[in-house]
Amino acid sequence: MRPEKSLIVEDLREKFQSSPFLIVADYTGMTVPHFAELRKRLRASGASLSVVKNSFVKIAAKELGMPDLGKSLAGQNAVITGEADICGAAKVLKTFAKEFTKPVVKGGVLDNSALDATQITALAELPPKEVLQAQLLGLLNMPATKLVRTLNEPGASLARVLQAKADAAAA
């Protein structure tokens, strides 16, 4: 392999290693202004879009031991990677595809597990990571809150009875 090609593969390997996810999307028919807008929206969600040869993606993925993306890597593809969670990038791709009918998500990888297009669409419909964490924390705190209320109830009941007795004596 020529030195410039090996540098491209090395760059892809670094991107794939630093990203918890990888999404492959078909960009056939997209215009340059659409590409610029998509890159801008992805950047806002902590992701980036790269257009590279499919063979380079296959080589870099194979060297890292990632699942086979063979069926996804046919035609003109863009690769989306990011530093944050996959849901933000998937949401951007979903809303952009609704507006412009392109790009078409073909598949991807999340934590070294292969994903198909329907799974990526399902991830786009999830609430943001922070909301899910807050919901989980609320569920975890619920039993403790109920326990504290149960433990406080006898004392509170006694205080209400004593207050009622004091009010009755004062009247």
N, C-alpha and C. Protein backbone atom coordinates (compact mmCIF):
# COMPACT_ATOMS: atom_id res chain seq x y z
N MET A 1 0.84 -1.17 0.00
CA MET A 1 0.00 0.00 0.00
C MET A 1 0.89 1.24 0.00
N ARG A 2 0.49 2.21 -0.80
CA ARG A 2 1.25 3.44 -0.90
C ARG A 2 1.20 4.19 0.43
N PRO A 3 2.26 4.98 0.72
CA PRO A 3 2.34 5.68 2.02
C PRO A 3 1.14 6.58 2.31
N GLU A 4 0.65 7.31 1.29
CA GLU A 4 -0.48 8.22 1.54
C GLU A 4 -1.75 7.43 1.88
N LYS A 5 -1.91 6.25 1.29
CA LYS A 5 -3.07 5.41 1.60
C LYS A 5 -2.96 4.84 3.00
N SER A 6 -1.77 4.46 3.41
CA SER A 6 -1.60 3.93 4.76
C SER A 6 -1.84 5.02 5.80
N LEU A 7 -1.53 6.27 5.47
CA LEU A 7 -1.82 7.38 6.38
C LEU A 7 -3.33 7.58 6.54
N ILE A 8 -4.08 7.42 5.45
CA ILE A 8 -5.54 7.55 5.50
C ILE A 8 -6.11 6.43 6.39
N VAL A 9 -5.62 5.22 6.21
CA VAL A 9 -6.09 4.09 7.02
C VAL A 9 -5.74 4.31 8.49
N GLU A 10 -4.55 4.82 8.75
CA GLU A 10 -4.13 5.11 10.13
C GLU A 10 -5.04 6.16 10.76
N ASP A 11 -5.36 7.20 10.01
CA ASP A 11 -6.27 8.24 10.50
C ASP A 11 -7.65 7.65 10.81
N LEU A 12 -8.15 6.79 9.93
CA LEU A 12 -9.44 6.14 10.18
C LEU A 12 -9.39 5.26 11.43
N ARG A 13 -8.30 4.53 11.60
CA ARG A 13 -8.16 3.68 12.79
C ARG A 13 -8.24 4.52 14.06
N GLU A 14 -7.57 5.67 14.06
CA GLU A 14 -7.59 6.56 15.22
C GLU A 14 -9.01 7.07 15.49
N LYS A 15 -9.72 7.45 14.42
CA LYS A 15 -11.11 7.91 14.58
C LYS A 15 -11.99 6.80 15.15
N PHE A 16 -11.84 5.61 14.63
CA PHE A 16 -12.67 4.48 15.07
C PHE A 16 -12.36 4.11 16.52
N GLN A 17 -11.08 4.19 16.91
CA GLN A 17 -10.71 3.86 18.29
C GLN A 17 -11.23 4.88 19.28
N SER A 18 -11.23 6.16 18.90
CA SER A 18 -11.65 7.20 19.84
C SER A 18 -13.16 7.39 19.87
N SER A 19 -13.88 6.74 18.98
CA SER A 19 -15.33 6.90 18.92
C SER A 19 -16.02 5.64 19.44
N PRO A 20 -17.05 5.81 20.27
CA PRO A 20 -17.79 4.62 20.74
C PRO A 20 -18.73 4.06 19.68
N PHE A 21 -18.91 4.78 18.58
CA PHE A 21 -19.82 4.33 17.53
C PHE A 21 -19.30 4.68 16.15
N LEU A 22 -19.92 4.05 15.16
CA LEU A 22 -19.62 4.29 13.75
C LEU A 22 -20.93 4.08 12.99
N ILE A 23 -21.30 5.04 12.17
CA ILE A 23 -22.51 4.91 11.35
C ILE A 23 -22.11 5.06 9.90
N VAL A 24 -22.63 4.17 9.05
CA VAL A 24 -22.39 4.22 7.62
C VAL A 24 -23.67 4.69 6.94
N ALA A 25 -23.56 5.73 6.12
CA ALA A 25 -24.72 6.29 5.43
C ALA A 25 -24.42 6.51 3.96
N ASP A 26 -25.39 6.23 3.11
CA ASP A 26 -25.27 6.42 1.67
C ASP A 26 -25.60 7.88 1.35
N TYR A 27 -24.65 8.60 0.76
CA TYR A 27 -24.86 10.01 0.47
C TYR A 27 -25.14 10.28 -1.01
N THR A 28 -25.43 9.27 -1.79
CA THR A 28 -25.67 9.43 -3.22
C THR A 28 -26.74 10.49 -3.46
N GLY A 29 -26.43 11.47 -4.30
CA GLY A 29 -27.40 12.49 -4.67
C GLY A 29 -27.38 13.73 -3.79
N MET A 30 -26.55 13.76 -2.77
CA MET A 30 -26.49 14.95 -1.91
C MET A 30 -25.67 16.05 -2.58
N THR A 31 -26.09 17.27 -2.40
CA THR A 31 -25.38 18.41 -2.95
C THR A 31 -24.37 18.94 -1.92
N VAL A 32 -23.47 19.77 -2.37
CA VAL A 32 -22.45 20.33 -1.50
C VAL A 32 -23.07 21.16 -0.37
N PRO A 33 -24.07 22.02 -0.64
CA PRO A 33 -24.69 22.75 0.47
C PRO A 33 -25.35 21.82 1.50
N HIS A 34 -25.96 20.72 1.04
CA HIS A 34 -26.55 19.77 1.96
C HIS A 34 -25.47 19.12 2.83
N PHE A 35 -24.35 18.78 2.21
CA PHE A 35 -23.23 18.19 2.96
C PHE A 35 -22.75 19.15 4.04
N ALA A 36 -22.60 20.42 3.67
CA ALA A 36 -22.13 21.42 4.63
C ALA A 36 -23.11 21.54 5.80
N GLU A 37 -24.40 21.55 5.49
CA GLU A 37 -25.42 21.66 6.54
C GLU A 37 -25.41 20.43 7.44
N LEU A 38 -25.28 19.25 6.86
CA LEU A 38 -25.25 18.02 7.64
C LEU A 38 -24.02 18.00 8.55
N ARG A 39 -22.87 18.39 8.02
CA ARG A 39 -21.65 18.42 8.85
C ARG A 39 -21.81 19.40 10.01
N LYS A 40 -22.44 20.53 9.75
CA LYS A 40 -22.65 21.54 10.79
C LYS A 40 -23.54 20.98 11.89
N ARG A 41 -24.63 20.31 11.50
CA ARG A 41 -25.55 19.75 12.50
C ARG A 41 -24.89 18.61 13.28
N LEU A 42 -24.12 17.78 12.60
CA LEU A 42 -23.44 16.69 13.29
C LEU A 42 -22.39 17.22 14.26
N ARG A 43 -21.69 18.26 13.86
CA ARG A 43 -20.68 18.87 14.73
C ARG A 43 -21.32 19.37 16.02
N ALA A 44 -22.52 19.94 15.91
CA ALA A 44 -23.23 20.44 17.09
C ALA A 44 -23.60 19.31 18.05
N SER A 45 -23.77 18.10 17.52
CA SER A 45 -24.11 16.96 18.38
C SER A 45 -22.89 16.16 18.80
N GLY A 46 -21.70 16.65 18.48
CA GLY A 46 -20.47 15.98 18.90
C GLY A 46 -20.02 14.88 17.96
N ALA A 47 -20.45 14.93 16.71
CA ALA A 47 -20.08 13.90 15.74
C ALA A 47 -19.45 14.55 14.52
N SER A 48 -18.81 13.72 13.69
CA SER A 48 -18.21 14.24 12.46
C SER A 48 -18.46 13.26 11.33
N LEU A 49 -18.48 13.78 10.12
CA LEU A 49 -18.76 12.99 8.92
C LEU A 49 -17.51 12.99 8.05
N SER A 50 -17.15 11.80 7.57
CA SER A 50 -16.00 11.66 6.68
C SER A 50 -16.40 10.84 5.47
N VAL A 51 -15.91 11.25 4.31
CA VAL A 51 -16.12 10.48 3.10
C VAL A 51 -14.78 9.86 2.73
N VAL A 52 -14.73 8.54 2.79
CA VAL A 52 -13.51 7.80 2.46
C VAL A 52 -13.89 6.58 1.63
N LYS A 53 -12.90 6.02 0.98
CA LYS A 53 -13.14 4.83 0.17
C LYS A 53 -13.57 3.67 1.08
N ASN A 54 -14.50 2.88 0.57
CA ASN A 54 -14.99 1.73 1.33
C ASN A 54 -13.88 0.76 1.68
N SER A 55 -12.92 0.60 0.78
CA SER A 55 -11.82 -0.34 1.05
C SER A 55 -10.99 0.12 2.24
N PHE A 56 -10.80 1.43 2.40
CA PHE A 56 -10.05 1.95 3.55
C PHE A 56 -10.81 1.67 4.85
N VAL A 57 -12.12 1.85 4.82
CA VAL A 57 -12.95 1.59 6.00
C VAL A 57 -12.86 0.11 6.37
N LYS A 58 -12.93 -0.76 5.36
CA LYS A 58 -12.85 -2.21 5.62
C LYS A 58 -11.52 -2.58 6.25
N ILE A 59 -10.43 -2.01 5.72
CA ILE A 59 -9.09 -2.32 6.25
C ILE A 59 -8.97 -1.85 7.70
N ALA A 60 -9.36 -0.59 7.96
CA ALA A 60 -9.25 -0.05 9.32
C ALA A 60 -10.12 -0.83 10.30
N ALA A 61 -11.34 -1.17 9.90
CA ALA A 61 -12.24 -1.93 10.77
C ALA A 61 -11.69 -3.32 11.05
N LYS A 62 -11.13 -3.94 10.04
CA LYS A 62 -10.58 -5.29 10.20
C LYS A 62 -9.38 -5.27 11.14
N GLU A 63 -8.53 -4.26 11.00
CA GLU A 63 -7.35 -4.15 11.86
C GLU A 63 -7.73 -3.94 13.32
N LEU A 64 -8.88 -3.31 13.56
CA LEU A 64 -9.33 -3.06 14.93
C LEU A 64 -10.21 -4.19 15.48
N GLY A 65 -10.49 -5.18 14.66
CA GLY A 65 -11.33 -6.29 15.11
C GLY A 65 -12.80 -5.94 15.22
N MET A 66 -13.23 -4.98 14.44
CA MET A 66 -14.64 -4.57 14.45
C MET A 66 -15.46 -5.57 13.63
N PRO A 67 -16.78 -5.61 13.86
CA PRO A 67 -17.64 -6.50 13.07
C PRO A 67 -17.58 -6.17 11.59
N ASP A 68 -17.89 -7.15 10.76
CA ASP A 68 -17.86 -6.98 9.31
C ASP A 68 -18.98 -6.04 8.86
N LEU A 69 -18.62 -5.03 8.10
CA LEU A 69 -19.58 -4.06 7.57
C LEU A 69 -19.80 -4.28 6.07
N GLY A 70 -19.52 -5.47 5.59
CA GLY A 70 -19.52 -5.76 4.16
C GLY A 70 -20.75 -5.28 3.41
N LYS A 71 -21.95 -5.60 3.88
CA LYS A 71 -23.16 -5.22 3.15
C LYS A 71 -23.41 -3.71 3.20
N SER A 72 -23.00 -3.08 4.29
CA SER A 72 -23.19 -1.63 4.42
C SER A 72 -22.24 -0.84 3.55
N LEU A 73 -21.10 -1.44 3.25
CA LEU A 73 -20.06 -0.72 2.50
C LEU A 73 -20.14 -1.01 1.01
N ALA A 74 -21.23 -0.61 0.41
CA ALA A 74 -21.39 -0.72 -1.04
C ALA A 74 -21.96 0.60 -1.53
N GLY A 75 -21.36 1.15 -2.57
CA GLY A 75 -21.83 2.43 -3.09
C GLY A 75 -21.06 3.59 -2.49
N GLN A 76 -21.66 4.77 -2.57
CA GLN A 76 -21.02 5.98 -2.05
C GLN A 76 -21.44 6.16 -0.60
N ASN A 77 -20.48 6.01 0.30
CA ASN A 77 -20.78 6.04 1.72
C ASN A 77 -20.00 7.11 2.46
N ALA A 78 -20.65 7.61 3.49
CA ALA A 78 -20.00 8.51 4.43
C ALA A 78 -19.96 7.78 5.77
N VAL A 79 -18.94 8.07 6.55
CA VAL A 79 -18.77 7.44 7.86
C VAL A 79 -18.92 8.52 8.92
N ILE A 80 -19.81 8.26 9.89
CA ILE A 80 -20.05 9.21 10.97
C ILE A 80 -19.49 8.62 12.25
N THR A 81 -18.61 9.37 12.92
CA THR A 81 -18.05 8.98 14.21
C THR A 81 -18.24 10.14 15.17
N GLY A 82 -18.01 9.91 16.44
CA GLY A 82 -18.17 11.00 17.39
C GLY A 82 -17.60 10.69 18.74
N GLU A 83 -17.55 11.71 19.56
CA GLU A 83 -17.02 11.58 20.91
C GLU A 83 -18.13 11.27 21.91
N ALA A 84 -19.35 11.70 21.61
CA ALA A 84 -20.47 11.53 22.54
C ALA A 84 -21.22 10.24 22.24
N ASP A 85 -22.47 10.19 22.68
CA ASP A 85 -23.27 8.98 22.44
C ASP A 85 -23.84 8.98 21.03
N ILE A 86 -24.24 7.81 20.59
CA ILE A 86 -24.72 7.60 19.22
C ILE A 86 -26.10 8.24 19.00
N CYS A 87 -26.88 8.40 20.06
CA CYS A 87 -28.26 8.88 19.90
C CYS A 87 -28.32 10.27 19.27
N GLY A 88 -27.42 11.16 19.67
CA GLY A 88 -27.41 12.51 19.10
C GLY A 88 -27.15 12.50 17.61
N ALA A 89 -26.16 11.75 17.19
CA ALA A 89 -25.84 11.66 15.76
C ALA A 89 -26.96 10.98 14.99
N ALA A 90 -27.56 9.94 15.57
CA ALA A 90 -28.66 9.25 14.91
C ALA A 90 -29.87 10.17 14.75
N LYS A 91 -30.12 11.01 15.75
CA LYS A 91 -31.24 11.97 15.66
C LYS A 91 -31.00 12.98 14.55
N VAL A 92 -29.78 13.46 14.46
CA VAL A 92 -29.44 14.42 13.41
C VAL A 92 -29.65 13.79 12.04
N LEU A 93 -29.18 12.56 11.85
CA LEU A 93 -29.34 11.88 10.57
C LEU A 93 -30.81 11.65 10.25
N LYS A 94 -31.59 11.28 11.25
CA LYS A 94 -33.01 11.01 11.04
C LYS A 94 -33.75 12.29 10.62
N THR A 95 -33.54 13.39 11.34
CA THR A 95 -34.24 14.63 11.00
C THR A 95 -33.76 15.19 9.66
N PHE A 96 -32.47 15.05 9.38
CA PHE A 96 -31.93 15.53 8.10
C PHE A 96 -32.52 14.73 6.95
N ALA A 97 -32.63 13.42 7.12
CA ALA A 97 -33.20 12.56 6.08
C ALA A 97 -34.69 12.87 5.87
N LYS A 98 -35.39 13.27 6.93
CA LYS A 98 -36.80 13.67 6.78
C LYS A 98 -36.91 14.94 5.93
N GLU A 99 -35.98 15.86 6.14
CA GLU A 99 -36.01 17.12 5.41
C GLU A 99 -35.59 16.96 3.95
N PHE A 100 -34.53 16.20 3.71
CA PHE A 100 -33.92 16.16 2.38
C PHE A 100 -33.91 14.77 1.72
N THR A 101 -34.45 13.77 2.38
CA THR A 101 -34.49 12.37 1.93
C THR A 101 -33.10 11.74 1.77
N LYS A 102 -32.07 12.42 2.12
CA LYS A 102 -30.70 11.91 2.09
C LYS A 102 -30.02 12.35 3.37
N PRO A 103 -29.07 11.69 3.89
CA PRO A 103 -28.50 10.41 3.51
C PRO A 103 -29.35 9.25 4.04
N VAL A 104 -29.10 8.08 3.48
CA VAL A 104 -29.79 6.87 3.90
C VAL A 104 -28.85 6.08 4.81
N VAL A 105 -29.27 5.88 6.05
CA VAL A 105 -28.44 5.12 7.00
C VAL A 105 -28.47 3.65 6.60
N LYS A 106 -27.29 3.05 6.53
CA LYS A 106 -27.19 1.65 6.09
C LYS A 106 -26.84 0.70 7.22
N GLY A 107 -26.10 1.16 8.20
CA GLY A 107 -25.69 0.31 9.30
C GLY A 107 -24.64 1.00 10.14
N GLY A 108 -24.08 0.26 11.07
CA GLY A 108 -23.05 0.84 11.91
C GLY A 108 -22.54 -0.12 12.95
N VAL A 109 -21.77 0.44 13.87
CA VAL A 109 -21.18 -0.32 14.96
C VAL A 109 -21.31 0.50 16.23
N LEU A 110 -21.74 -0.16 17.31
CA LEU A 110 -21.81 0.48 18.62
C LEU A 110 -21.14 -0.45 19.62
N ASP A 111 -20.10 0.03 20.26
CA ASP A 111 -19.35 -0.76 21.23
C ASP A 111 -18.98 -2.14 20.69
N ASN A 112 -18.47 -2.15 19.48
CA ASN A 112 -17.99 -3.35 18.79
C ASN A 112 -19.10 -4.37 18.49
N SER A 113 -20.34 -3.91 18.38
CA SER A 113 -21.47 -4.75 17.97
C SER A 113 -22.09 -4.14 16.72
N ALA A 114 -22.38 -4.97 15.74
CA ALA A 114 -22.96 -4.47 14.49
C ALA A 114 -24.40 -4.03 14.70
N LEU A 115 -24.78 -2.95 14.02
CA LEU A 115 -26.15 -2.43 14.05
C LEU A 115 -26.66 -2.34 12.62
N ASP A 116 -27.96 -2.57 12.45
CA ASP A 116 -28.55 -2.33 11.13
C ASP A 116 -29.29 -1.00 11.16
N ALA A 117 -29.85 -0.61 10.04
CA ALA A 117 -30.49 0.71 9.92
C ALA A 117 -31.66 0.87 10.88
N THR A 118 -32.45 -0.19 11.09
CA THR A 118 -33.61 -0.08 11.98
C THR A 118 -33.17 0.12 13.43
N GLN A 119 -32.08 -0.51 13.83
CA GLN A 119 -31.58 -0.32 15.19
C GLN A 119 -31.07 1.10 15.40
N ILE A 120 -30.44 1.66 14.38
CA ILE A 120 -29.95 3.04 14.50
C ILE A 120 -31.14 4.01 14.55
N THR A 121 -32.19 3.73 13.79
CA THR A 121 -33.40 4.55 13.85
C THR A 121 -34.03 4.46 15.23
N ALA A 122 -34.04 3.28 15.83
CA ALA A 122 -34.58 3.11 17.19
C ALA A 122 -33.76 3.91 18.20
N LEU A 123 -32.45 3.95 18.02
CA LEU A 123 -31.60 4.76 18.91
C LEU A 123 -31.90 6.25 18.76
N ALA A 124 -32.27 6.67 17.56
CA ALA A 124 -32.60 8.07 17.33
C ALA A 124 -33.86 8.49 18.07
N GLU A 125 -34.73 7.53 18.38
CA GLU A 125 -35.99 7.85 19.05
C GLU A 125 -35.86 7.86 20.57
N LEU A 126 -34.71 7.43 21.10
CA LEU A 126 -34.50 7.45 22.54
C LEU A 126 -34.31 8.88 23.03
N PRO A 127 -34.68 9.14 24.28
CA PRO A 127 -34.38 10.46 24.85
C PRO A 127 -32.86 10.62 25.02
N PRO A 128 -32.39 11.83 25.22
CA PRO A 128 -30.94 12.05 25.41
C PRO A 128 -30.41 11.27 26.62
N LYS A 129 -29.13 11.03 26.61
CA LYS A 129 -28.47 10.23 27.65
C LYS A 129 -28.72 10.82 29.04
N GLU A 130 -28.66 12.14 29.17
CA GLU A 130 -28.84 12.79 30.46
C GLU A 130 -30.24 12.54 31.00
N VAL A 131 -31.25 12.56 30.13
CA VAL A 131 -32.63 12.31 30.55
C VAL A 131 -32.78 10.86 31.02
N LEU A 132 -32.20 9.92 30.29
CA LEU A 132 -32.26 8.52 30.70
C LEU A 132 -31.57 8.31 32.05
N GLN A 133 -30.45 8.98 32.26
CA GLN A 133 -29.75 8.86 33.54
C GLN A 133 -30.59 9.43 34.68
N ALA A 134 -31.25 10.56 34.43
CA ALA A 134 -32.11 11.15 35.45
C ALA A 134 -33.30 10.25 35.77
N GLN A 135 -33.89 9.62 34.75
CA GLN A 135 -35.00 8.70 34.98
C GLN A 135 -34.53 7.50 35.80
N LEU A 136 -33.36 6.96 35.49
CA LEU A 136 -32.83 5.83 36.24
C LEU A 136 -32.55 6.23 37.68
N LEU A 137 -31.99 7.39 37.89
CA LEU A 137 -31.71 7.87 39.24
C LEU A 137 -33.00 8.02 40.03
N GLY A 138 -34.05 8.54 39.38
CA GLY A 138 -35.34 8.67 40.04
C GLY A 138 -35.90 7.32 40.45
N LEU A 139 -35.75 6.32 39.59
CA LEU A 139 -36.22 4.98 39.92
C LEU A 139 -35.42 4.37 41.07
N LEU A 140 -34.12 4.63 41.09
CA LEU A 140 -33.29 4.10 42.16
C LEU A 140 -33.58 4.78 43.50
N ASN A 141 -33.93 6.06 43.48
CA ASN A 141 -34.21 6.80 44.70
C ASN A 141 -35.60 6.52 45.25
N MET A 142 -36.51 6.04 44.44
CA MET A 142 -37.89 5.85 44.86
C MET A 142 -38.02 4.92 46.07
N PRO A 143 -37.40 3.73 46.09
CA PRO A 143 -37.53 2.87 47.28
C PRO A 143 -37.00 3.52 48.55
N ALA A 144 -35.89 4.24 48.44
CA ALA A 144 -35.33 4.90 49.62
C ALA A 144 -36.28 5.98 50.13
N THR A 145 -36.90 6.72 49.24
CA THR A 145 -37.85 7.76 49.64
C THR A 145 -39.05 7.15 50.35
N LYS A 146 -39.56 6.05 49.81
CA LYS A 146 -40.69 5.38 50.44
C LYS A 146 -40.32 4.85 51.82
N LEU A 147 -39.11 4.33 51.97
CA LEU A 147 -38.64 3.82 53.24
C LEU A 147 -38.57 4.94 54.27
N VAL A 148 -38.04 6.08 53.89
CA VAL A 148 -37.93 7.22 54.80
C VAL A 148 -39.32 7.68 55.23
N ARG A 149 -40.26 7.75 54.30
CA ARG A 149 -41.63 8.16 54.65
C ARG A 149 -42.26 7.16 55.63
N THR A 150 -42.06 5.88 55.38
CA THR A 150 -42.63 4.84 56.25
C THR A 150 -42.04 4.92 57.66
N LEU A 151 -40.72 5.15 57.72
CA LEU A 151 -40.08 5.26 59.03
C LEU A 151 -40.51 6.52 59.78
N ASN A 152 -40.80 7.60 59.07
CA ASN A 152 -41.20 8.86 59.70
C ASN A 152 -42.67 8.89 60.08
N GLU A 153 -43.49 8.05 59.50
CA GLU A 153 -44.93 8.11 59.72
C GLU A 153 -45.36 7.89 61.17
N PRO A 154 -44.82 6.91 61.91
CA PRO A 154 -45.28 6.76 63.31
C PRO A 154 -45.00 8.01 64.15
N GLY A 155 -43.84 8.61 63.98
CA GLY A 155 -43.52 9.83 64.72
C GLY A 155 -44.43 10.97 64.31
N ALA A 156 -44.70 11.10 63.02
CA ALA A 156 -45.58 12.16 62.54
C ALA A 156 -47.00 11.95 63.05
N SER A 157 -47.46 10.70 63.09
CA SER A 157 -48.80 10.39 63.61
C SER A 157 -48.89 10.76 65.08
N LEU A 158 -47.88 10.42 65.87
CA LEU A 158 -47.86 10.76 67.29
C LEU A 158 -47.89 12.28 67.48
N ALA A 159 -47.13 13.00 66.66
CA ALA A 159 -47.10 14.46 66.76
C ALA A 159 -48.47 15.04 66.43
N ARG A 160 -49.17 14.50 65.43
CA ARG A 160 -50.52 14.99 65.09
C ARG A 160 -51.51 14.72 66.21
N VAL A 161 -51.42 13.56 66.85
CA VAL A 161 -52.32 13.22 67.96
C VAL A 161 -52.07 14.15 69.14
N LEU A 162 -50.80 14.38 69.47
CA LEU A 162 -50.46 15.28 70.58
C LEU A 162 -50.92 16.71 70.27
N GLN A 163 -50.78 17.16 69.03
CA GLN A 163 -51.21 18.50 68.65
C GLN A 163 -52.72 18.62 68.77
N ALA A 164 -53.45 17.57 68.33
CA ALA A 164 -54.92 17.58 68.43
C ALA A 164 -55.34 17.62 69.89
N LYS A 165 -54.65 16.87 70.76
CA LYS A 165 -54.94 16.84 72.20
C LYS A 165 -54.70 18.21 72.80
N ALA A 166 -53.57 18.86 72.39
CA ALA A 166 -53.25 20.19 72.92
C ALA A 166 -54.28 21.21 72.44
N ASP A 167 -54.72 21.11 71.18
CA ASP A 167 -55.73 22.03 70.65
C ASP A 167 -57.06 21.83 71.38
N ALA A 168 -57.41 20.58 71.69
CA ALA A 168 -58.66 20.29 72.39
C ALA A 168 -58.61 20.81 73.82
N ALA A 169 -57.46 20.71 74.49
CA ALA A 169 -57.31 21.18 75.86
C ALA A 169 -57.35 22.71 75.91
N ALA A 170 -56.83 23.36 74.88
CA ALA A 170 -56.81 24.81 74.82
C ALA A 170 -58.19 25.39 74.54
N ALA A 171 -59.04 24.61 73.92
CA ALA A 171 -60.37 25.13 73.56
C ALA A 171 -61.34 24.98 74.63
